[in-house]
């Protein structure tokens, strides 16, 4: 006989539906109504034996997510007024397309602390790790190294590149036992036209938020790693249940290895200045290093003395990021691009007070921070919000120079 079982998300939906019914788990009405569905026309009230396959142990196996007979599975779903197809665990290959091997990352610099921290989290049974940060910061590279270092602890490792092959919109991912599952480019299912804040799911992918909730709240032996340019909505609520949100910052010591790889010459002050100029972003640093190698004979000191900040090659990338933010967020970024040292929260509200309400401005500021487009630094007892030098220059060239 064919059997079916609930997905992780299905377990949560069934739990909520059962609680809304208000019946205890041991209430015989579950079995009576399921029997009535399978064998209508009989009086099942107070019956000692129910329809074929219907029993209290089977009902409890259904609620625990174990496989049961398909016809009984469908009957229990109908009693709960739920569509059984929405709750079904599907084979992974049919619910997600685009599975690939862990990417080979030939050049990887630094990140020893990050790898050690996240490897320990996996060893301690963490079910969800979200690596977030701006484009080019090295999320995919870190996830690949982390997956390779941890795959011996799992029966299988599956990698899905959402930025290359978006998931299908008519099915939820299922989670095989003892599996390390990586979703690279989770931000591909976030956002859309005229979105109001960071991390919102596209309408057709909203059920993926439920998948992450189920992933954290259900006992299992698997782990999911996701990378995203922005923090998915609702993730903060899951961190208290054991999910790890890991904002990835720029390289510091690892930048020395990167610059040495490009055969650049520099001293301690020069590499610190270069790292600060490009926010430690490996993509930006690699592009700048190529520029320095070609035009300054690899001399970082001469490049810095020229006062040049390479932005031309970055502008298309930054322009793409800015096209996906709200009008208010664009206005806020333009405001920040007028002050190299950034602005305090009070100064931002003063500058934009006639443009939007304080609540909307602060929500936009938080959204930009979660997109990793705005950074903060302590200035005495206040916090200053600022743009990295590369973002600062790109915004000036893209927007302010045209006004």
Protein backbone atom coordinates (compact mmCIF):
# COMPACT_ATOMS: atom_id res chain seq x y z
CA UNK A 1 0.00 0.00 0.00
CA UNK A 2 1.38 3.50 -0.82
CA UNK A 3 2.19 5.68 2.20
CA UNK A 4 2.45 9.42 2.75
CA UNK A 5 3.97 11.63 5.45
CA UNK A 6 3.84 15.28 6.48
CA UNK A 7 6.55 17.75 5.48
CA UNK A 8 8.16 19.95 8.14
CA UNK A 9 5.87 22.79 7.15
CA UNK A 10 2.92 20.39 7.06
CA UNK A 11 3.56 19.41 10.66
CA UNK A 12 3.18 23.02 11.76
CA UNK A 13 0.03 23.55 9.70
CA UNK A 14 -1.54 20.38 11.09
CA UNK A 15 -0.62 21.38 14.64
CA UNK A 16 -2.29 24.77 14.22
CA UNK A 17 -5.39 23.27 12.59
CA UNK A 18 -5.71 20.66 15.36
CA UNK A 19 -5.45 23.34 18.05
CA UNK A 20 -8.11 25.41 16.29
CA UNK A 21 -10.47 22.42 16.41
CA UNK A 22 -10.12 22.44 20.18
CA UNK A 23 -10.16 18.65 20.54
CA UNK A 24 -7.55 16.79 22.55
CA UNK A 25 -5.28 14.42 20.67
CA UNK A 26 -6.97 11.40 22.29
CA UNK A 27 -10.50 12.59 21.46
CA UNK A 28 -12.23 9.75 19.54
CA UNK A 29 -13.94 12.26 17.25
CA UNK A 30 -10.77 12.33 15.09
CA UNK A 31 -11.14 8.62 14.44
CA UNK A 32 -14.93 8.75 14.06
CA UNK A 33 -14.85 11.50 11.41
CA UNK A 34 -11.96 9.91 9.54
CA UNK A 35 -13.86 6.62 9.49
CA UNK A 36 -16.96 8.41 8.20
CA UNK A 37 -14.86 9.74 5.29
CA UNK A 38 -13.46 6.32 4.41
CA UNK A 39 -16.66 4.36 4.96
CA UNK A 40 -19.66 6.75 4.82
CA UNK A 41 -23.12 5.61 5.76
CA UNK A 42 -22.19 3.89 8.99
CA UNK A 43 -22.61 5.15 12.54
CA UNK A 44 -19.09 5.44 13.90
CA UNK A 45 -19.99 7.31 17.11
CA UNK A 46 -18.78 5.39 20.18
CA UNK A 47 -17.50 2.60 17.94
CA UNK A 48 -14.91 0.27 19.47
CA UNK A 49 -13.36 -0.57 16.08
CA UNK A 50 -12.97 2.02 13.36
CA UNK A 51 -12.59 1.91 9.57
CA UNK A 52 -9.70 -0.04 8.09
CA UNK A 53 -6.40 1.64 8.94
CA UNK A 54 -7.95 4.11 11.40
CA UNK A 55 -6.68 3.83 14.98
CA UNK A 56 -5.32 6.03 17.74
CA UNK A 57 -1.70 4.87 17.22
CA UNK A 58 -1.99 5.65 13.48
CA UNK A 59 -3.41 9.08 14.27
CA UNK A 60 -0.47 9.80 16.57
CA UNK A 61 2.03 8.58 13.95
CA UNK A 62 0.40 11.00 11.49
CA UNK A 63 0.81 13.89 13.96
CA UNK A 64 4.48 12.98 14.52
CA UNK A 65 5.23 13.10 10.80
CA UNK A 66 5.63 9.35 10.28
CA UNK A 67 4.49 7.67 7.07
CA UNK A 68 1.01 6.13 7.13
CA UNK A 69 -1.35 4.63 4.55
CA UNK A 70 -2.17 7.18 1.84
CA UNK A 71 -5.95 6.86 2.14
CA UNK A 72 -5.82 7.31 5.91
CA UNK A 73 -3.43 10.28 5.50
CA UNK A 74 -5.92 11.98 3.19
CA UNK A 75 -8.82 11.26 5.55
CA UNK A 76 -7.05 12.82 8.54
CA UNK A 77 -6.25 15.90 6.44
CA UNK A 78 -9.91 16.19 5.42
CA UNK A 79 -11.00 16.02 9.07
CA UNK A 80 -8.69 18.97 9.70
CA UNK A 81 -10.20 20.80 6.66
CA UNK A 82 -6.78 20.87 5.01
CA UNK A 83 -5.64 20.09 1.48
CA UNK A 84 -3.44 17.01 1.79
CA UNK A 85 -1.31 18.02 -1.20
CA UNK A 86 -0.21 21.19 0.58
CA UNK A 87 1.09 19.18 3.55
CA UNK A 88 2.85 16.37 1.77
CA UNK A 89 6.56 15.67 2.02
CA UNK A 90 7.88 15.32 -1.50
CA UNK A 91 11.11 13.75 -2.65
CA UNK A 92 13.75 16.47 -2.66
CA UNK A 93 14.52 16.17 -6.36
CA UNK A 94 10.90 16.77 -7.31
CA UNK A 95 10.42 19.78 -5.05
CA UNK A 96 13.64 21.58 -5.86
CA UNK A 97 15.47 21.77 -9.14
CA UNK A 98 19.01 22.86 -9.77
CA UNK A 99 20.94 20.69 -7.30
CA UNK A 100 24.67 21.01 -7.93
CA UNK A 101 27.95 20.04 -6.34
CA UNK A 102 29.57 22.20 -3.67
CA UNK A 103 31.36 24.95 -5.65
CA UNK A 104 35.11 24.75 -5.85
CA UNK A 105 36.63 27.89 -4.31
CA UNK A 106 40.29 27.97 -5.41
CA UNK A 107 41.04 31.35 -3.78
CA UNK A 108 39.94 31.71 -0.17
CA UNK A 109 41.60 34.12 2.23
CA UNK A 110 41.21 34.40 5.99
CA UNK A 111 37.84 33.59 7.58
CA UNK A 112 39.40 31.21 10.14
CA UNK A 113 37.31 32.62 12.99
CA UNK A 114 34.12 32.51 10.92
CA UNK A 115 34.72 28.91 9.85
CA UNK A 116 35.54 27.78 13.38
CA UNK A 117 32.47 29.51 14.85
CA UNK A 118 30.00 28.11 12.31
CA UNK A 119 31.55 24.63 12.30
CA UNK A 120 31.09 24.52 16.06
CA UNK A 121 27.47 25.62 15.68
CA UNK A 122 26.81 22.71 13.30
CA UNK A 123 28.54 20.26 15.65
CA UNK A 124 26.27 21.50 18.46
CA UNK A 125 23.16 20.63 16.44
CA UNK A 126 22.19 24.04 15.03
CA UNK A 127 19.44 23.45 12.43
CA UNK A 128 19.63 26.77 10.55
CA UNK A 129 22.56 29.05 9.75
CA UNK A 130 21.92 32.24 7.74
CA UNK A 131 25.04 33.92 6.34
CA UNK A 132 24.10 37.46 5.33
CA UNK A 133 26.00 40.39 3.88
CA UNK A 134 26.46 42.67 0.89
CA UNK A 135 27.29 41.32 -2.54
CA UNK A 136 30.91 40.29 -2.99
CA UNK A 137 31.59 39.93 0.74
CA UNK A 138 32.25 36.18 0.40
CA UNK A 139 29.05 34.47 1.56
CA UNK A 140 29.11 31.74 -1.09
CA UNK A 141 32.80 31.06 -0.54
CA UNK A 142 32.33 30.75 3.23
CA UNK A 143 29.27 28.51 2.83
CA UNK A 144 31.19 26.26 0.42
CA UNK A 145 34.14 25.89 2.78
CA UNK A 146 31.78 25.33 5.72
CA UNK A 147 29.84 22.65 3.82
CA UNK A 148 33.03 20.88 2.76
CA UNK A 149 34.34 20.92 6.34
CA UNK A 150 31.07 19.56 7.76
CA UNK A 151 29.88 17.06 5.16
CA UNK A 152 31.47 14.09 6.95
CA UNK A 153 28.94 14.63 9.77
CA UNK A 154 25.98 14.05 7.42
CA UNK A 155 24.77 11.27 5.17
CA UNK A 156 24.57 13.63 2.22
CA UNK A 157 25.23 17.26 1.30
CA UNK A 158 22.98 19.03 -1.22
CA UNK A 159 23.72 22.44 -2.72
CA UNK A 160 21.15 24.62 -4.49
CA UNK A 161 22.07 27.87 -6.23
CA UNK A 162 18.91 29.97 -6.10
CA UNK A 163 20.61 32.84 -7.92
CA UNK A 164 21.25 30.47 -10.85
CA UNK A 165 18.13 28.29 -10.73
CA UNK A 166 15.21 29.75 -8.73
CA UNK A 167 13.08 27.15 -6.92
CA UNK A 168 9.73 26.09 -8.27
CA UNK A 169 6.85 28.07 -6.78
CA UNK A 170 4.34 25.25 -6.45
CA UNK A 171 6.15 23.09 -3.91
CA UNK A 172 7.98 23.30 -0.62
CA UNK A 173 11.40 21.80 -0.06
CA UNK A 174 11.49 18.62 1.98
CA UNK A 175 14.34 17.70 4.26
CA UNK A 176 15.80 14.19 4.09
CA UNK A 177 17.25 12.84 7.37
CA UNK A 178 20.87 13.59 8.33
CA UNK A 179 21.29 15.99 5.41
CA UNK A 180 23.30 19.18 5.06
CA UNK A 181 21.32 21.40 2.74
CA UNK A 182 22.71 24.68 1.35
CA UNK A 183 20.57 27.35 -0.33
CA UNK A 184 22.94 29.84 -1.95
CA UNK A 185 21.34 33.15 -2.97
CA UNK A 186 18.22 33.03 -0.78
CA UNK A 187 17.67 36.71 -1.63
CA UNK A 188 16.55 35.51 -5.09
CA UNK A 189 13.15 34.69 -3.56
CA UNK A 190 12.97 37.97 -1.63
CA UNK A 191 11.75 41.36 -2.78
CA UNK A 192 10.02 42.35 -5.96
CA UNK A 193 8.64 45.55 -7.40
CA UNK A 194 8.23 48.54 -5.08
CA UNK A 195 8.99 46.57 -1.95
CA UNK A 196 8.83 48.52 1.27
CA UNK A 197 11.47 46.85 3.46
CA UNK A 198 14.32 44.38 3.36
CA UNK A 199 13.72 40.67 3.65
CA UNK A 200 10.15 40.48 2.39
CA UNK A 201 9.37 37.36 0.41
CA UNK A 202 8.06 37.54 -3.11
CA UNK A 203 4.37 36.72 -3.05
CA UNK A 204 4.82 33.36 -4.75
CA UNK A 205 7.54 32.32 -2.26
CA UNK A 206 5.95 33.38 1.02
CA UNK A 207 5.59 29.77 2.14
CA UNK A 208 9.40 29.54 2.39
CA UNK A 209 9.15 31.61 5.58
CA UNK A 210 7.05 28.79 7.02
CA UNK A 211 9.65 26.28 5.89
CA UNK A 212 12.33 28.08 7.91
CA UNK A 213 10.06 28.23 10.98
CA UNK A 214 9.37 24.51 10.74
CA UNK A 215 13.03 23.81 10.23
CA UNK A 216 13.93 25.44 13.54
CA UNK A 217 10.91 24.31 15.58
CA UNK A 218 10.88 20.62 14.58
CA UNK A 219 13.26 17.98 15.89
CA UNK A 220 15.44 16.49 13.14
CA UNK A 221 19.06 15.58 12.44
CA UNK A 222 19.66 17.83 9.42
CA UNK A 223 21.05 21.34 8.98
CA UNK A 224 20.29 24.11 6.49
CA UNK A 225 22.75 26.83 5.53
CA UNK A 226 21.46 29.77 3.53
CA UNK A 227 23.26 32.77 2.09
CA UNK A 228 21.47 36.03 1.42
CA UNK A 229 22.36 39.63 0.61
CA UNK A 230 19.67 40.68 3.03
CA UNK A 231 18.25 39.17 6.18
CA UNK A 232 14.97 37.31 5.46
CA UNK A 233 11.95 38.65 7.28
CA UNK A 234 11.10 36.81 10.50
CA UNK A 235 14.58 35.38 11.00
CA UNK A 236 15.18 37.39 14.17
CA UNK A 237 12.26 35.58 15.81
CA UNK A 238 13.92 32.23 15.08
CA UNK A 239 17.32 33.11 16.52
CA UNK A 240 15.98 32.58 20.02
CA UNK A 241 15.13 28.99 19.07
CA UNK A 242 18.65 28.15 18.00
CA UNK A 243 18.92 29.56 14.49
CA UNK A 244 22.20 31.39 13.87
CA UNK A 245 22.14 34.71 11.97
CA UNK A 246 25.71 35.44 10.90
CA UNK A 247 26.26 38.87 9.27
CA UNK A 248 29.52 38.55 7.36
CA UNK A 249 31.88 41.49 7.61
CA UNK A 250 34.86 42.41 5.46
CA UNK A 251 38.32 40.88 5.49
CA UNK A 252 41.03 42.26 7.75
CA UNK A 253 44.02 39.94 8.25
CA UNK A 254 42.77 37.83 5.35
CA UNK A 255 43.17 40.88 3.12
CA UNK A 256 46.94 40.61 3.56
CA UNK A 257 46.83 37.16 1.93
CA UNK A 258 44.64 38.51 -0.87
CA UNK A 259 46.98 41.41 -1.63
CA UNK A 260 50.01 39.15 -1.47
CA UNK A 261 48.33 36.83 -3.94
CA UNK A 262 48.18 39.77 -6.37
CA UNK A 263 51.88 40.42 -5.72
CA UNK A 264 51.28 43.94 -4.44
CA UNK A 265 53.77 45.82 -2.28
CA UNK A 266 52.50 47.55 0.85
CA UNK A 267 53.19 48.21 4.51
CA UNK A 268 50.89 47.77 7.51
CA UNK A 269 49.35 51.26 7.30
CA UNK A 270 48.76 50.91 3.57
CA UNK A 271 46.89 47.62 3.73
CA UNK A 272 44.72 48.92 6.55
CA UNK A 273 43.93 52.06 4.52
CA UNK A 274 43.11 49.98 1.43
CA UNK A 275 40.91 47.59 3.40
CA UNK A 276 39.01 50.50 4.95
CA UNK A 277 38.59 52.14 1.56
CA UNK A 278 36.86 49.04 0.17
CA UNK A 279 35.18 47.83 3.34
CA UNK A 280 37.21 44.64 3.31
CA UNK A 281 34.95 43.37 0.53
CA UNK A 282 36.90 40.59 -1.26
CA UNK A 283 35.26 41.32 -4.62
CA UNK A 284 36.06 45.04 -4.38
CA UNK A 285 39.59 44.34 -3.15
CA UNK A 286 40.27 41.92 -5.99
CA UNK A 287 39.11 44.44 -8.56
CA UNK A 288 41.14 47.23 -6.94
CA UNK A 289 44.19 44.95 -6.73
CA UNK A 290 44.02 44.26 -10.47
CA UNK A 291 43.80 48.01 -11.09
CA UNK A 292 46.80 48.68 -8.84
CA UNK A 293 48.81 45.91 -10.47
CA UNK A 294 48.14 47.21 -13.98
CA UNK A 295 48.47 50.98 -13.48
CA UNK A 296 50.62 51.41 -10.37
CA UNK A 297 53.08 48.53 -10.83
CA UNK A 298 51.54 46.86 -7.78
CA UNK A 299 52.47 49.69 -5.41
CA UNK A 300 49.61 50.22 -2.94
CA UNK A 301 51.27 53.32 -1.50
CA UNK A 302 51.34 55.09 -4.87
CA UNK A 303 47.73 54.16 -5.51
CA UNK A 304 46.62 55.58 -2.16
CA UNK A 305 48.69 58.73 -2.71
CA UNK A 306 46.86 59.33 -5.99
CA UNK A 307 43.60 59.72 -4.04
CA UNK A 308 41.85 57.39 -6.47
CA UNK A 309 38.93 55.18 -5.48
CA UNK A 310 38.11 52.67 -8.18
CA UNK A 311 34.37 52.88 -8.76
CA UNK A 312 33.75 52.56 -12.48
CA UNK A 313 33.71 48.77 -12.50
CA UNK A 314 31.56 48.69 -9.36
CA UNK A 315 28.86 51.08 -10.53
CA UNK A 316 26.76 48.56 -12.51
CA UNK A 317 26.73 46.26 -9.49
CA UNK A 318 25.81 49.01 -7.02
CA UNK A 319 23.20 50.38 -9.44
CA UNK A 320 21.60 46.95 -9.60
CA UNK A 321 21.38 46.78 -5.79
CA UNK A 322 19.85 50.25 -5.58
CA UNK A 323 17.18 49.47 -8.18
CA UNK A 324 15.66 46.96 -5.76
CA UNK A 325 15.12 49.28 -2.81
CA UNK A 326 12.22 51.58 -2.05
CA UNK A 327 12.06 55.25 -3.04
CA UNK A 328 12.42 56.32 0.59
CA UNK A 329 15.51 54.12 1.00
CA UNK A 330 17.02 55.68 -2.14
CA UNK A 331 16.33 59.13 -0.71
CA UNK A 332 17.96 58.15 2.56
CA UNK A 333 21.06 56.82 0.78
CA UNK A 334 21.35 60.06 -1.22
CA UNK A 335 21.18 61.94 2.08
CA UNK A 336 24.00 59.83 3.56
CA UNK A 337 26.06 60.37 0.40
CA UNK A 338 26.35 64.07 1.27
CA UNK A 339 28.41 63.40 4.42
CA UNK A 340 31.55 61.25 4.33
CA UNK A 341 31.47 60.83 8.12
CA UNK A 342 27.84 59.78 8.08
CA UNK A 343 24.91 61.08 10.07
CA UNK A 344 23.39 60.34 13.45
CA UNK A 345 19.83 59.15 13.69
CA UNK A 346 18.72 62.57 14.87
CA UNK A 347 20.46 64.28 11.95
CA UNK A 348 18.82 61.92 9.48
CA UNK A 349 15.39 62.65 10.92
CA UNK A 350 16.12 66.38 10.74
CA UNK A 351 17.19 66.17 7.08
CA UNK A 352 14.22 64.07 5.97
CA UNK A 353 11.57 65.21 8.43
CA UNK A 354 9.57 66.98 5.71
CA UNK A 355 9.79 63.99 3.38
CA UNK A 356 8.28 61.20 5.52
CA UNK A 357 7.22 60.40 9.07
CA UNK A 358 9.88 59.54 11.64
CA UNK A 359 8.55 55.99 11.83
CA UNK A 360 8.87 55.47 8.08
CA UNK A 361 12.36 56.97 8.01
CA UNK A 362 13.58 54.70 10.81
CA UNK A 363 12.00 51.67 9.14
CA UNK A 364 13.83 52.56 5.91
CA UNK A 365 17.09 52.98 7.84
CA UNK A 366 16.69 49.55 9.43
CA UNK A 367 15.88 48.08 6.03
CA UNK A 368 19.08 49.53 4.53
CA UNK A 369 21.10 48.15 7.41
CA UNK A 370 19.62 44.68 6.88
CA UNK A 371 20.53 44.96 3.21
CA UNK A 372 24.14 45.65 4.32
CA UNK A 373 24.11 48.91 2.34
CA UNK A 374 24.46 51.10 5.44
CA UNK A 375 26.93 50.60 8.28
CA UNK A 376 27.16 52.03 11.78
CA UNK A 377 29.91 53.27 14.07
CA UNK A 378 29.86 54.56 17.63
CA UNK A 379 30.52 58.26 18.04
CA UNK A 380 30.62 58.88 21.77
CA UNK A 381 27.23 57.88 23.10
CA UNK A 382 25.62 58.16 19.68
CA UNK A 383 25.58 55.96 16.61
CA UNK A 384 26.50 57.27 13.16
CA UNK A 385 25.13 55.73 9.99
CA UNK A 386 27.43 55.87 6.97
CA UNK A 387 28.14 54.42 3.53
CA UNK A 388 31.31 52.51 2.72
CA UNK A 389 33.61 54.69 0.56
CA UNK A 390 32.90 52.66 -2.59
CA UNK A 391 29.13 52.83 -2.08
CA UNK A 392 29.47 56.52 -1.19
CA UNK A 393 31.29 57.34 -4.44
CA UNK A 394 28.97 55.19 -6.57
CA UNK A 395 25.87 56.84 -5.13
CA UNK A 396 27.34 60.27 -5.78
CA UNK A 397 28.14 59.38 -9.38
CA UNK A 398 24.85 57.57 -10.02
CA UNK A 399 22.49 60.07 -8.41
CA UNK A 400 23.88 63.29 -7.03
CA UNK A 401 25.98 64.18 -10.10
CA UNK A 402 22.78 64.12 -12.18
CA UNK A 403 20.78 66.43 -9.93
